[in-house]
Every structure is written in structure tokens, then in C-alpha cells.
Amino acid sequence: MKVLAGPISANIDYMPGNNGPTCVVIIETSHFACHVWNDVDPALIQLDVYTCGPFNPQDVIDHIQVWDPVKVEHKLLDREFGLNEIEIS
């Protein structure tokens, strides 16, 4: 995955219930986006990895463990064939 632009971020600190940063990085034919809601406890982070290229989804799950998450939920969609959900093994 080749980075083409970013990362860039913007912080919303004036909208109660929606405070927190949004960050994106553009990769070749794809992107990563991260949205954080600081007003909930624990904070909610949603990470989107959108790619046409090959990658191991478990690597993403393993790397976010540095945040010491309380809970991790994930969904892998095959957008080539109707957004069908794929199990991560």
C-alpha cells in the first residue's frame, strides 16, 4: 500500500456529543479513515480500511491493540461482489 497523501486530521471541539478528531490518509486506490468520539466513556474509535489491494485484516486488528481497547468489533466486506461480509479467520 503506497501512501499518496496525508495523513491529515481535523478536530471537532465545538459540537457536544461529536467532539474528537477525524484523520485520513490516501493510499494508492484506497484510504484509511479514523473517527474518534471523545465524549463517550470509554472513547469510541471507528477505523475504516478501504482498499483494493491485498492485506491481512488480522494485521489491522493486531496493530490497534497498542490502544488497549475495551472492545474490538470488526466487519470485513467484499466490495467487489455486492458488499458481502467475509469472516476473518
PDB file of N, CA and C in Angstrom:
ATOM      1  N   MET A   1       0.850  -1.173   0.000  1.00  0.00           N
ATOM      2  CA  MET A   1       0.000   0.000   0.000  1.00  0.00           C
ATOM      3  C   MET A   1       0.894   1.234   0.000  1.00  0.00           C
ATOM      4  N   LYS A   2       0.761   2.029  -1.020  1.00  0.00           N
ATOM      5  CA  LYS A   2       1.589   3.216  -1.179  1.00  0.00           C
ATOM      6  C   LYS A   2       0.813   4.464  -0.742  1.00  0.00           C
ATOM      7  N   VAL A   3       1.384   5.236   0.191  1.00  0.00           N
ATOM      8  CA  VAL A   3       0.754   6.471   0.655  1.00  0.00           C
ATOM      9  C   VAL A   3       0.873   7.523  -0.441  1.00  0.00           C
ATOM     10  N   LEU A   4      -0.251   8.125  -0.810  1.00  0.00           N
ATOM     11  CA  LEU A   4      -0.277   9.176  -1.822  1.00  0.00           C
ATOM     12  C   LEU A   4      -0.468  10.559  -1.213  1.00  0.00           C
ATOM     13  N   ALA A   5      -1.181  10.640  -0.092  1.00  0.00           N
ATOM     14  CA  ALA A   5      -1.414  11.939   0.560  1.00  0.00           C
ATOM     15  C   ALA A   5      -1.751  11.714   2.029  1.00  0.00           C
ATOM     16  N   GLY A   6      -1.317  12.666   2.848  1.00  0.00           N
ATOM     17  CA  GLY A   6      -1.633  12.587   4.266  1.00  0.00           C
ATOM     18  C   GLY A   6      -0.534  11.914   5.040  1.00  0.00           C
ATOM     19  N   PRO A   7      -0.804  11.643   6.281  1.00  0.00           N
ATOM     20  CA  PRO A   7      -2.105  11.776   6.925  1.00  0.00           C
ATOM     21  C   PRO A   7      -2.453  13.223   7.245  1.00  0.00           C
ATOM     22  N   ILE A   8      -3.740  13.499   7.281  1.00  0.00           N
ATOM     23  CA  ILE A   8      -4.246  14.799   7.707  1.00  0.00           C
ATOM     24  C   ILE A   8      -5.310  14.562   8.776  1.00  0.00           C
ATOM     25  N   SER A   9      -5.522  15.572   9.611  1.00  0.00           N
ATOM     26  CA  SER A   9      -6.536  15.428  10.644  1.00  0.00           C
ATOM     27  C   SER A   9      -7.212  16.766  10.907  1.00  0.00           C
ATOM     28  N   ALA A  10      -8.403  16.680  11.440  1.00  0.00           N
ATOM     29  CA  ALA A  10      -9.152  17.857  11.878  1.00  0.00           C
ATOM     30  C   ALA A  10      -9.831  17.484  13.182  1.00  0.00           C
ATOM     31  N   ASN A  11      -9.926  18.437  14.091  1.00  0.00           N
ATOM     32  CA  ASN A  11     -10.528  18.174  15.388  1.00  0.00           C
ATOM     33  C   ASN A  11     -11.807  18.984  15.544  1.00  0.00           C
ATOM     34  N   ILE A  12     -12.874  18.312  15.914  1.00  0.00           N
ATOM     35  CA  ILE A  12     -14.137  18.977  16.223  1.00  0.00           C
ATOM     36  C   ILE A  12     -14.179  19.139  17.738  1.00  0.00           C
ATOM     37  N   ASP A  13     -14.193  20.375  18.230  1.00  0.00           N
ATOM     38  CA  ASP A  13     -14.228  20.582  19.678  1.00  0.00           C
ATOM     39  C   ASP A  13     -15.354  21.525  20.089  1.00  0.00           C
ATOM     40  N   TYR A  14     -16.294  21.743  19.183  1.00  0.00           N
ATOM     41  CA  TYR A  14     -17.375  22.695  19.445  1.00  0.00           C
ATOM     42  C   TYR A  14     -18.752  22.063  19.325  1.00  0.00           C
ATOM     43  N   MET A  15     -18.828  20.760  19.095  1.00  0.00           N
ATOM     44  CA  MET A  15     -20.104  20.105  18.862  1.00  0.00           C
ATOM     45  C   MET A  15     -20.338  19.026  19.924  1.00  0.00           C
ATOM     46  N   PRO A  16     -21.065  19.345  21.011  1.00  0.00           N
ATOM     47  CA  PRO A  16     -21.281  18.362  22.071  1.00  0.00           C
ATOM     48  C   PRO A  16     -21.810  17.033  21.526  1.00  0.00           C
ATOM     49  N   GLY A  17     -21.228  15.954  22.005  1.00  0.00           N
ATOM     50  CA  GLY A  17     -21.617  14.627  21.548  1.00  0.00           C
ATOM     51  C   GLY A  17     -20.883  14.173  20.311  1.00  0.00           C
ATOM     52  N   ASN A  18     -20.175  15.082  19.658  1.00  0.00           N
ATOM     53  CA  ASN A  18     -19.450  14.736  18.437  1.00  0.00           C
ATOM     54  C   ASN A  18     -18.034  15.297  18.478  1.00  0.00           C
ATOM     55  N   ASN A  19     -17.494  15.506  19.683  1.00  0.00           N
ATOM     56  CA  ASN A  19     -16.143  16.052  19.817  1.00  0.00           C
ATOM     57  C   ASN A  19     -15.108  14.975  19.549  1.00  0.00           C
ATOM     58  N   GLY A  20     -14.044  15.349  18.840  1.00  0.00           N
ATOM     59  CA  GLY A  20     -12.932  14.442  18.613  1.00  0.00           C
ATOM     60  C   GLY A  20     -12.345  14.604  17.232  1.00  0.00           C
ATOM     61  N   PRO A  21     -11.199  13.986  17.018  1.00  0.00           N
ATOM     62  CA  PRO A  21     -10.510  14.122  15.734  1.00  0.00           C
ATOM     63  C   PRO A  21     -11.024  13.152  14.678  1.00  0.00           C
ATOM     64  N   THR A  22     -10.839  13.564  13.430  1.00  0.00           N
ATOM     65  CA  THR A  22     -11.020  12.713  12.267  1.00  0.00           C
ATOM     66  C   THR A  22      -9.728  12.789  11.479  1.00  0.00           C
ATOM     67  N   CYS A  23      -9.221  11.638  11.093  1.00  0.00           N
ATOM     68  CA  CYS A  23      -7.941  11.570  10.397  1.00  0.00           C
ATOM     69  C   CYS A  23      -8.096  10.699   9.157  1.00  0.00           C
ATOM     70  N   VAL A  24      -7.397  11.077   8.085  1.00  0.00           N
ATOM     71  CA  VAL A  24      -7.414  10.267   6.865  1.00  0.00           C
ATOM     72  C   VAL A  24      -6.021  10.217   6.253  1.00  0.00           C
ATOM     73  N   VAL A  25      -5.778   9.143   5.547  1.00  0.00           N
ATOM     74  CA  VAL A  25      -4.584   9.017   4.712  1.00  0.00           C
ATOM     75  C   VAL A  25      -5.048   8.360   3.412  1.00  0.00           C
ATOM     76  N   ILE A  26      -4.591   8.907   2.310  1.00  0.00           N
ATOM     77  CA  ILE A  26      -4.944   8.374   0.997  1.00  0.00           C
ATOM     78  C   ILE A  26      -3.837   7.424   0.568  1.00  0.00           C
ATOM     79  N   ILE A  27      -4.210   6.199   0.261  1.00  0.00           N
ATOM     80  CA  ILE A  27      -3.245   5.238  -0.253  1.00  0.00           C
ATOM     81  C   ILE A  27      -3.628   4.929  -1.697  1.00  0.00           C
ATOM     82  N   GLU A  28      -2.740   4.311  -2.407  1.00  0.00           N
ATOM     83  CA  GLU A  28      -2.982   4.005  -3.810  1.00  0.00           C
ATOM     84  C   GLU A  28      -4.323   3.298  -3.983  1.00  0.00           C
ATOM     85  N   THR A  29      -5.255   3.926  -4.663  1.00  0.00           N
ATOM     86  CA  THR A  29      -6.628   3.479  -4.971  1.00  0.00           C
ATOM     87  C   THR A  29      -7.510   3.252  -3.749  1.00  0.00           C
ATOM     88  N   SER A  30      -7.118   3.771  -2.579  1.00  0.00           N
ATOM     89  CA  SER A  30      -7.873   3.457  -1.372  1.00  0.00           C
ATOM     90  C   SER A  30      -7.640   4.510  -0.295  1.00  0.00           C
ATOM     91  N   HIS A  31      -8.087   4.230   0.938  1.00  0.00           N
ATOM     92  CA  HIS A  31      -7.869   5.168   2.044  1.00  0.00           C
ATOM     93  C   HIS A  31      -7.995   4.465   3.398  1.00  0.00           C
ATOM     94  N   PHE A  32      -7.472   5.142   4.405  1.00  0.00           N
ATOM     95  CA  PHE A  32      -7.723   4.804   5.805  1.00  0.00           C
ATOM     96  C   PHE A  32      -8.388   6.026   6.412  1.00  0.00           C
ATOM     97  N   ALA A  33      -9.382   5.813   7.244  1.00  0.00           N
ATOM     98  CA  ALA A  33     -10.034   6.912   7.957  1.00  0.00           C
ATOM     99  C   ALA A  33     -10.266   6.484   9.399  1.00  0.00           C
ATOM    100  N   CYS A  34     -10.053   7.421  10.319  1.00  0.00           N
ATOM    101  CA  CYS A  34     -10.239   7.152  11.733  1.00  0.00           C
ATOM    102  C   CYS A  34     -11.071   8.286  12.324  1.00  0.00           C
ATOM    103  N   HIS A  35     -12.139   7.932  13.013  1.00  0.00           N
ATOM    104  CA  HIS A  35     -13.018   8.897  13.652  1.00  0.00           C
ATOM    105  C   HIS A  35     -13.048   8.590  15.144  1.00  0.00           C
ATOM    106  N   VAL A  36     -12.901   9.619  15.971  1.00  0.00           N
ATOM    107  CA  VAL A  36     -12.868   9.436  17.425  1.00  0.00           C
ATOM    108  C   VAL A  36     -13.962  10.292  18.062  1.00  0.00           C
ATOM    109  N   TRP A  37     -14.730   9.688  18.977  1.00  0.00           N
ATOM    110  CA  TRP A  37     -15.720  10.410  19.763  1.00  0.00           C
ATOM    111  C   TRP A  37     -15.201  10.451  21.196  1.00  0.00           C
ATOM    112  N   ASN A  38     -14.791  11.628  21.646  1.00  0.00           N
ATOM    113  CA  ASN A  38     -14.207  11.793  22.977  1.00  0.00           C
ATOM    114  C   ASN A  38     -15.246  11.904  24.089  1.00  0.00           C
ATOM    115  N   ASP A  39     -16.484  12.234  23.756  1.00  0.00           N
ATOM    116  CA  ASP A  39     -17.499  12.499  24.778  1.00  0.00           C
ATOM    117  C   ASP A  39     -18.098  11.252  25.407  1.00  0.00           C
ATOM    118  N   VAL A  40     -17.820  10.093  24.855  1.00  0.00           N
ATOM    119  CA  VAL A  40     -18.336   8.863  25.453  1.00  0.00           C
ATOM    120  C   VAL A  40     -17.229   8.228  26.286  1.00  0.00           C
ATOM    121  N   ASP A  41     -17.609   7.389  27.237  1.00  0.00           N
ATOM    122  CA  ASP A  41     -16.625   6.763  28.111  1.00  0.00           C
ATOM    123  C   ASP A  41     -16.857   5.259  28.125  1.00  0.00           C
ATOM    124  N   PRO A  42     -15.926   4.481  27.588  1.00  0.00           N
ATOM    125  CA  PRO A  42     -14.653   4.904  27.018  1.00  0.00           C
ATOM    126  C   PRO A  42     -14.853   5.538  25.647  1.00  0.00           C
ATOM    127  N   ALA A  43     -13.850   6.286  25.194  1.00  0.00           N
ATOM    128  CA  ALA A  43     -13.920   6.925  23.884  1.00  0.00           C
ATOM    129  C   ALA A  43     -14.176   5.874  22.805  1.00  0.00           C
ATOM    130  N   LEU A  44     -14.896   6.282  21.768  1.00  0.00           N
ATOM    131  CA  LEU A  44     -15.225   5.390  20.661  1.00  0.00           C
ATOM    132  C   LEU A  44     -14.338   5.742  19.479  1.00  0.00           C
ATOM    133  N   ILE A  45     -13.704   4.745  18.915  1.00  0.00           N
ATOM    134  CA  ILE A  45     -12.872   4.928  17.728  1.00  0.00           C
ATOM    135  C   ILE A  45     -13.415   4.022  16.638  1.00  0.00           C
ATOM    136  N   GLN A  46     -13.658   4.589  15.470  1.00  0.00           N
ATOM    137  CA  GLN A  46     -14.033   3.788  14.311  1.00  0.00           C
ATOM    138  C   GLN A  46     -12.955   3.965  13.258  1.00  0.00           C
ATOM    139  N   LEU A  47     -12.444   2.855  12.787  1.00  0.00           N
ATOM    140  CA  LEU A  47     -11.361   2.847  11.816  1.00  0.00           C
ATOM    141  C   LEU A  47     -11.854   2.164  10.552  1.00  0.00           C
ATOM    142  N   ASP A  48     -11.738   2.852   9.434  1.00  0.00           N
ATOM    143  CA  ASP A  48     -12.110   2.282   8.142  1.00  0.00           C
ATOM    144  C   ASP A  48     -10.839   2.048   7.339  1.00  0.00           C
ATOM    145  N   VAL A  49     -10.678   0.834   6.867  1.00  0.00           N
ATOM    146  CA  VAL A  49      -9.584   0.496   5.954  1.00  0.00           C
ATOM    147  C   VAL A  49     -10.259   0.087   4.653  1.00  0.00           C
ATOM    148  N   TYR A  50     -10.096   0.894   3.641  1.00  0.00           N
ATOM    149  CA  TYR A  50     -10.783   0.680   2.367  1.00  0.00           C
ATOM    150  C   TYR A  50      -9.701   0.483   1.321  1.00  0.00           C
ATOM    151  N   THR A  51      -9.602  -0.718   0.765  1.00  0.00           N
ATOM    152  CA  THR A  51      -8.526  -0.985  -0.176  1.00  0.00           C
ATOM    153  C   THR A  51      -8.930  -1.987  -1.249  1.00  0.00           C
ATOM    154  N   CYS A  52      -8.344  -1.811  -2.404  1.00  0.00           N
ATOM    155  CA  CYS A  52      -8.460  -2.788  -3.493  1.00  0.00           C
ATOM    156  C   CYS A  52      -7.315  -3.785  -3.429  1.00  0.00           C
ATOM    157  N   GLY A  53      -6.280  -3.414  -2.695  1.00  0.00           N
ATOM    158  CA  GLY A  53      -5.072  -4.230  -2.648  1.00  0.00           C
ATOM    159  C   GLY A  53      -5.148  -5.331  -1.619  1.00  0.00           C
ATOM    160  N   PRO A  54      -4.236  -6.266  -1.717  1.00  0.00           N
ATOM    161  CA  PRO A  54      -4.203  -7.362  -0.749  1.00  0.00           C
ATOM    162  C   PRO A  54      -3.676  -6.891   0.597  1.00  0.00           C
ATOM    163  N   PHE A  55      -4.259  -7.400   1.663  1.00  0.00           N
ATOM    164  CA  PHE A  55      -3.775  -7.140   3.012  1.00  0.00           C
ATOM    165  C   PHE A  55      -4.389  -8.180   3.934  1.00  0.00           C
ATOM    166  N   ASN A  56      -3.807  -8.316   5.101  1.00  0.00           N
ATOM    167  CA  ASN A  56      -4.312  -9.263   6.086  1.00  0.00           C
ATOM    168  C   ASN A  56      -5.103  -8.470   7.122  1.00  0.00           C
ATOM    169  N   PRO A  57      -6.436  -8.606   7.169  1.00  0.00           N
ATOM    170  CA  PRO A  57      -7.242  -7.855   8.130  1.00  0.00           C
ATOM    171  C   PRO A  57      -6.821  -8.083   9.576  1.00  0.00           C
ATOM    172  N   GLN A  58      -6.338  -9.272   9.885  1.00  0.00           N
ATOM    173  CA  GLN A  58      -5.909  -9.557  11.254  1.00  0.00           C
ATOM    174  C   GLN A  58      -4.738  -8.672  11.648  1.00  0.00           C
ATOM    175  N   ASP A  59      -3.893  -8.275  10.686  1.00  0.00           N
ATOM    176  CA  ASP A  59      -2.781  -7.358  10.985  1.00  0.00           C
ATOM    177  C   ASP A  59      -3.306  -6.028  11.514  1.00  0.00           C
ATOM    178  N   VAL A  60      -4.407  -5.533  10.950  1.00  0.00           N
ATOM    179  CA  VAL A  60      -5.005  -4.277  11.419  1.00  0.00           C
ATOM    180  C   VAL A  60      -5.504  -4.452  12.847  1.00  0.00           C
ATOM    181  N   ILE A  61      -6.216  -5.535  13.097  1.00  0.00           N
ATOM    182  CA  ILE A  61      -6.741  -5.803  14.439  1.00  0.00           C
ATOM    183  C   ILE A  61      -5.599  -5.925  15.446  1.00  0.00           C
ATOM    184  N   ASP A  62      -4.534  -6.611  15.051  1.00  0.00           N
ATOM    185  CA  ASP A  62      -3.382  -6.764  15.947  1.00  0.00           C
ATOM    186  C   ASP A  62      -2.724  -5.421  16.246  1.00  0.00           C
ATOM    187  N   HIS A  63      -2.605  -4.553  15.247  1.00  0.00           N
ATOM    188  CA  HIS A  63      -1.929  -3.265  15.445  1.00  0.00           C
ATOM    189  C   HIS A  63      -2.712  -2.306  16.340  1.00  0.00           C
ATOM    190  N   ILE A  64      -4.035  -2.381  16.357  1.00  0.00           N
ATOM    191  CA  ILE A  64      -4.790  -1.463  17.210  1.00  0.00           C
ATOM    192  C   ILE A  64      -4.733  -1.862  18.681  1.00  0.00           C
ATOM    193  N   GLN A  65      -4.169  -3.015  18.975  1.00  0.00           N
ATOM    194  CA  GLN A  65      -4.068  -3.442  20.366  1.00  0.00           C
ATOM    195  C   GLN A  65      -3.180  -2.512  21.194  1.00  0.00           C
ATOM    196  N   VAL A  66      -2.327  -1.711  20.561  1.00  0.00           N
ATOM    197  CA  VAL A  66      -1.496  -0.751  21.311  1.00  0.00           C
ATOM    198  C   VAL A  66      -2.365   0.277  22.020  1.00  0.00           C
ATOM    199  N   TRP A  67      -3.607   0.465  21.566  1.00  0.00           N
ATOM    200  CA  TRP A  67      -4.535   1.396  22.207  1.00  0.00           C
ATOM    201  C   TRP A  67      -5.181   0.790  23.443  1.00  0.00           C
ATOM    202  N   ASP A  68      -4.944  -0.494  23.685  1.00  0.00           N
ATOM    203  CA  ASP A  68      -5.541  -1.211  24.807  1.00  0.00           C
ATOM    204  C   ASP A  68      -7.070  -1.067  24.804  1.00  0.00           C
ATOM    205  N   PRO A  69      -7.708  -1.463  23.704  1.00  0.00           N
ATOM    206  CA  PRO A  69      -9.156  -1.265  23.593  1.00  0.00           C
ATOM    207  C   PRO A  69      -9.950  -2.110  24.584  1.00  0.00           C
ATOM    208  N   VAL A  70     -11.083  -1.566  24.995  1.00  0.00           N
ATOM    209  CA  VAL A  70     -12.007  -2.284  25.867  1.00  0.00           C
ATOM    210  C   VAL A  70     -12.735  -3.362  25.064  1.00  0.00           C
ATOM    211  N   LYS A  71     -13.071  -3.025  23.827  1.00  0.00           N
ATOM    212  CA  LYS A  71     -13.798  -3.951  22.956  1.00  0.00           C
ATOM    213  C   LYS A  71     -13.405  -3.661  21.514  1.00  0.00           C
ATOM    214  N   VAL A  72     -13.274  -4.708  20.712  1.00  0.00           N
ATOM    215  CA  VAL A  72     -12.992  -4.555  19.287  1.00  0.00           C
ATOM    216  C   VAL A  72     -14.068  -5.312  18.522  1.00  0.00           C
ATOM    217  N   GLU A  73     -14.751  -4.606  17.648  1.00  0.00           N
ATOM    218  CA  GLU A  73     -15.702  -5.231  16.735  1.00  0.00           C
ATOM    219  C   GLU A  73     -15.212  -4.937  15.333  1.00  0.00           C
ATOM    220  N   HIS A  74     -15.411  -5.871  14.440  1.00  0.00           N
ATOM    221  CA  HIS A  74     -14.935  -5.656  13.076  1.00  0.00           C
ATOM    222  C   HIS A  74     -15.887  -6.305  12.078  1.00  0.00           C
ATOM    223  N   LYS A  75     -15.785  -5.803  10.863  1.00  0.00           N
ATOM    224  CA  LYS A  75     -16.563  -6.347   9.768  1.00  0.00           C
ATOM    225  C   LYS A  75     -15.708  -6.208   8.510  1.00  0.00           C
ATOM    226  N   LEU A  76     -15.577  -7.268   7.759  1.00  0.00           N
ATOM    227  CA  LEU A  76     -14.837  -7.270   6.501  1.00  0.00           C
ATOM    228  C   LEU A  76     -15.840  -7.458   5.376  1.00  0.00           C
ATOM    229  N   LEU A  77     -15.872  -6.509   4.451  1.00  0.00           N
ATOM    230  CA  LEU A  77     -16.816  -6.568   3.345  1.00  0.00           C
ATOM    231  C   LEU A  77     -16.069  -6.749   2.036  1.00  0.00           C
ATOM    232  N   ASP A  78     -16.574  -7.611   1.202  1.00  0.00           N
ATOM    233  CA  ASP A  78     -16.039  -7.806  -0.146  1.00  0.00           C
ATOM    234  C   ASP A  78     -16.815  -6.881  -1.069  1.00  0.00           C
ATOM    235  N   ARG A  79     -16.251  -5.725  -1.365  1.00  0.00           N
ATOM    236  CA  ARG A  79     -16.978  -4.738  -2.157  1.00  0.00           C
ATOM    237  C   ARG A  79     -16.956  -5.040  -3.640  1.00  0.00           C
ATOM    238  N   GLU A  80     -16.178  -6.032  -4.057  1.00  0.00           N
ATOM    239  CA  GLU A  80     -16.158  -6.411  -5.470  1.00  0.00           C
ATOM    240  C   GLU A  80     -17.422  -7.167  -5.864  1.00  0.00           C
ATOM    241  N   PHE A  81     -17.992  -7.896  -4.895  1.00  0.00           N
ATOM    242  CA  PHE A  81     -19.138  -8.740  -5.192  1.00  0.00           C
ATOM    243  C   PHE A  81     -20.308  -8.447  -4.262  1.00  0.00           C
ATOM    244  N   GLY A  82     -20.849  -7.232  -4.289  1.00  0.00           N
ATOM    245  CA  GLY A  82     -22.074  -6.911  -3.578  1.00  0.00           C
ATOM    246  C   GLY A  82     -21.960  -6.644  -2.094  1.00  0.00           C
ATOM    247  N   LEU A  83     -20.810  -6.252  -1.607  1.00  0.00           N
ATOM    248  CA  LEU A  83     -20.602  -5.930  -0.193  1.00  0.00           C
ATOM    249  C   LEU A  83     -20.986  -7.082   0.731  1.00  0.00           C
ATOM    250  N   ASN A  84     -20.619  -8.266   0.348  1.00  0.00           N
ATOM    251  CA  ASN A  84     -20.855  -9.444   1.186  1.00  0.00           C
ATOM    252  C   ASN A  84     -19.869  -9.464   2.329  1.00  0.00           C
ATOM    253  N   GLU A  85     -20.342  -9.817   3.521  1.00  0.00           N
ATOM    254  CA  GLU A  85     -19.459  -9.915   4.676  1.00  0.00           C
ATOM    255  C   GLU A  85     -18.629 -11.182   4.591  1.00  0.00           C
ATOM    256  N   ILE A  86     -17.350 -11.051   4.935  1.00  0.00           N
ATOM    257  CA  ILE A  86     -16.401 -12.160   4.912  1.00  0.00           C
ATOM    258  C   ILE A  86     -15.914 -12.401   6.323  1.00  0.00           C
ATOM    259  N   GLU A  87     -15.864 -13.641   6.743  1.00  0.00           N
ATOM    260  CA  GLU A  87     -15.325 -13.979   8.068  1.00  0.00           C
ATOM    261  C   GLU A  87     -13.815 -13.827   8.053  1.00  0.00           C
ATOM    262  N   ILE A  88     -13.269 -13.267   9.132  1.00  0.00           N
ATOM    263  CA  ILE A  88     -11.824 -13.176   9.289  1.00  0.00           C
ATOM    264  C   ILE A  88     -11.379 -14.399  10.059  1.00  0.00           C
ATOM    265  N   SER A  89     -10.479 -15.157   9.449  1.00  0.00           N
ATOM    266  CA  SER A  89     -10.033 -16.405  10.106  1.00  0.00           C
ATOM    267  C   SER A  89      -8.717 -16.201  10.815  1.00  0.00           C
TER     268      SER A  89
END
